[in-house]
Amino acid sequence: MEIEGPAWLRVVDELEIRKLVARYADAVTHIDGQAWIETWAEDGRWTIGGATSEGHAKLLETWQVLMSLFEKVVQLPQHGLLELRGDRATGRWGVIELGRTRGGSPSFTVGAYHDVYRRVETRWCFSERRFEAIYTGAPDLDGPWLG
């Protein structure tokens, strides 16, 4: 693996990407569409539940539909693995999501995000994000495991 740039710059880039993931999870938790869309590149691509959305307008539309299903949701990013390559990077994050649907049912999901990041001007953003569900079901883990 070829490493580009000084070590301190790679550390700064990794911290910025970790903050990006934290801002994304915070926007989900607070159901803040504006903060959420600001984590994306204009031409970003998001795959979730087998469907893919591209570009800010479609991304936000899809997110709003999904978030409308929840009364409350908390997204908790877990471990994150990153590989930096200049102004692009890739990563994989474990995530736990707890929620309550508008119908009052509990929601519990364990999964992983597979990401591509891109530096746009002075900030890192999501270029691609694909969610892979590993478990979705009862919080006692009695449901089927998907992965």
Protein backbone atom coordinates (compact mmCIF):
# COMPACT_ATOMS: atom_id res chain seq x y z
CA MET A 1 0.00 0.00 0.00
CA GLU A 2 1.42 3.36 -1.03
CA ILE A 3 0.95 6.13 1.53
CA GLU A 4 0.66 9.68 0.24
CA GLY A 5 1.61 12.87 2.08
CA PRO A 6 3.08 13.50 5.50
CA ALA A 7 1.94 11.36 8.41
CA TRP A 8 0.36 14.29 10.29
CA LEU A 9 -1.85 15.08 7.29
CA ARG A 10 -3.10 11.47 7.17
CA VAL A 11 -3.98 11.71 10.88
CA VAL A 12 -5.89 14.96 10.29
CA ASP A 13 -7.75 13.41 7.33
CA GLU A 14 -8.70 10.34 9.36
CA LEU A 15 -9.99 12.50 12.21
CA GLU A 16 -12.04 14.57 9.75
CA ILE A 17 -13.60 11.44 8.25
CA ARG A 18 -14.40 10.11 11.73
CA LYS A 19 -16.09 13.45 12.50
CA LEU A 20 -18.04 13.13 9.23
CA VAL A 21 -19.41 9.75 10.33
CA ALA A 22 -20.27 11.22 13.75
CA ARG A 23 -22.08 14.20 12.14
CA TYR A 24 -24.08 11.79 9.96
CA ALA A 25 -25.16 9.71 12.99
CA ASP A 26 -25.98 12.86 14.95
CA ALA A 27 -28.17 14.14 12.09
CA VAL A 28 -30.03 10.80 12.00
CA THR A 29 -30.50 10.85 15.78
CA HIS A 30 -31.86 14.40 15.70
CA ILE A 31 -33.82 13.82 12.47
CA ASP A 32 -32.06 16.84 10.96
CA GLY A 33 -32.26 16.59 7.18
CA GLN A 34 -30.17 19.71 6.54
CA ALA A 35 -27.27 18.48 8.69
CA TRP A 36 -27.59 15.02 7.12
CA ILE A 37 -27.44 16.19 3.50
CA GLU A 38 -24.43 18.41 4.28
CA THR A 39 -22.39 15.24 4.86
CA TRP A 40 -22.81 14.26 1.19
CA ALA A 41 -21.09 15.23 -2.06
CA GLU A 42 -23.53 16.81 -4.55
CA ASP A 43 -23.39 13.67 -6.71
CA GLY A 44 -23.37 11.24 -3.77
CA ARG A 45 -24.83 7.75 -4.11
CA TRP A 46 -26.60 5.94 -1.23
CA THR A 47 -27.73 2.31 -1.30
CA ILE A 48 -30.02 1.12 1.46
CA GLY A 49 -32.63 -1.63 1.48
CA GLY A 50 -31.63 -2.66 -2.05
CA ALA A 51 -32.48 0.76 -3.54
CA THR A 52 -29.97 3.37 -4.70
CA SER A 53 -30.44 7.15 -4.71
CA GLU A 54 -28.08 9.62 -6.37
CA GLY A 55 -27.66 13.38 -6.03
CA HIS A 56 -28.68 15.67 -3.19
CA ALA A 57 -32.36 15.95 -4.12
CA LYS A 58 -32.94 12.17 -4.36
CA LEU A 59 -30.77 11.43 -1.31
CA LEU A 60 -32.74 13.82 0.85
CA GLU A 61 -36.07 12.60 -0.53
CA THR A 62 -35.18 8.97 0.27
CA TRP A 63 -33.90 9.90 3.74
CA GLN A 64 -37.08 11.85 4.54
CA VAL A 65 -39.26 8.89 3.52
CA LEU A 66 -37.24 6.50 5.69
CA MET A 67 -37.13 8.86 8.67
CA SER A 68 -40.89 9.45 8.46
CA LEU A 69 -41.29 5.84 9.61
CA PHE A 70 -39.78 6.67 13.00
CA GLU A 71 -41.02 8.54 16.03
CA LYS A 72 -37.49 8.42 17.42
CA VAL A 73 -34.23 6.82 16.31
CA VAL A 74 -30.68 6.72 17.65
CA GLN A 75 -27.81 5.73 15.37
CA LEU A 76 -24.64 4.51 17.09
CA PRO A 77 -21.57 4.08 14.87
CA GLN A 78 -19.21 1.43 16.19
CA HIS A 79 -15.77 0.39 14.94
CA GLY A 80 -14.51 2.09 11.81
CA LEU A 81 -11.79 1.00 9.39
CA LEU A 82 -10.40 3.58 6.97
CA GLU A 83 -7.99 3.51 4.05
CA LEU A 84 -6.77 6.89 2.85
CA ARG A 85 -5.57 7.58 -0.70
CA GLY A 86 -4.97 11.28 -1.26
CA ASP A 87 -8.30 13.06 -1.74
CA ARG A 88 -10.27 9.79 -1.67
CA ALA A 89 -10.72 7.20 1.03
CA THR A 90 -12.75 4.09 1.74
CA GLY A 91 -14.15 2.82 4.99
CA ARG A 92 -16.38 0.32 6.71
CA TRP A 93 -18.32 1.08 9.90
CA GLY A 94 -20.33 -1.14 12.17
CA VAL A 95 -23.55 0.56 13.24
CA ILE A 96 -26.36 -0.10 15.69
CA GLU A 97 -29.67 1.70 15.27
CA LEU A 98 -32.36 1.76 17.93
CA GLY A 99 -35.74 3.31 17.33
CA ARG A 100 -39.45 3.43 17.83
CA THR A 101 -41.70 3.43 14.78
CA ARG A 102 -44.61 5.84 14.40
CA GLY A 103 -46.81 2.86 15.28
CA GLY A 104 -44.99 2.48 18.61
CA SER A 105 -43.05 -0.70 17.80
CA PRO A 106 -39.40 -1.05 18.82
CA SER A 107 -36.83 -1.12 16.05
CA PHE A 108 -33.37 -2.65 16.36
CA THR A 109 -30.89 -2.92 13.49
CA VAL A 110 -27.26 -4.00 13.38
CA GLY A 111 -25.36 -3.47 10.16
CA ALA A 112 -22.37 -2.03 8.37
CA TYR A 113 -21.83 0.96 6.14
CA HIS A 114 -19.42 0.51 3.23
CA ASP A 115 -18.21 3.98 2.29
CA VAL A 116 -16.28 5.96 -0.29
CA TYR A 117 -15.23 9.44 0.85
CA ARG A 118 -14.02 12.36 -1.23
CA ARG A 119 -12.42 15.64 -0.30
CA VAL A 120 -14.44 18.46 -1.83
CA GLU A 121 -12.49 21.71 -1.53
CA THR A 122 -11.52 21.69 2.17
CA ARG A 123 -13.96 19.14 3.58
CA TRP A 124 -14.49 15.39 3.45
CA CYS A 125 -17.91 14.09 2.41
CA PHE A 126 -19.61 10.87 1.44
CA SER A 127 -19.29 10.04 -2.22
CA GLU A 128 -20.90 6.61 -1.80
CA ARG A 129 -22.52 4.87 1.13
CA ARG A 130 -23.98 1.36 1.06
CA PHE A 131 -25.78 -0.05 4.09
CA GLU A 132 -25.66 -3.79 4.70
CA ALA A 133 -28.12 -5.05 7.32
CA ILE A 134 -26.77 -7.88 9.45
CA TYR A 135 -29.69 -8.11 11.87
CA THR A 136 -33.04 -6.41 12.09
CA GLY A 137 -35.69 -7.45 14.55
CA ALA A 138 -36.43 -7.63 18.24
CA PRO A 139 -33.91 -6.01 20.58
CA ASP A 140 -33.45 -9.38 22.31
CA LEU A 141 -31.79 -10.65 19.06
CA ASP A 142 -34.45 -13.34 18.65
CA GLY A 143 -35.02 -12.43 14.97
CA PRO A 144 -33.21 -13.77 11.89
CA TRP A 145 -29.58 -12.85 11.25
CA LEU A 146 -29.05 -11.67 7.69
CA GLY A 147 -25.28 -11.74 7.33
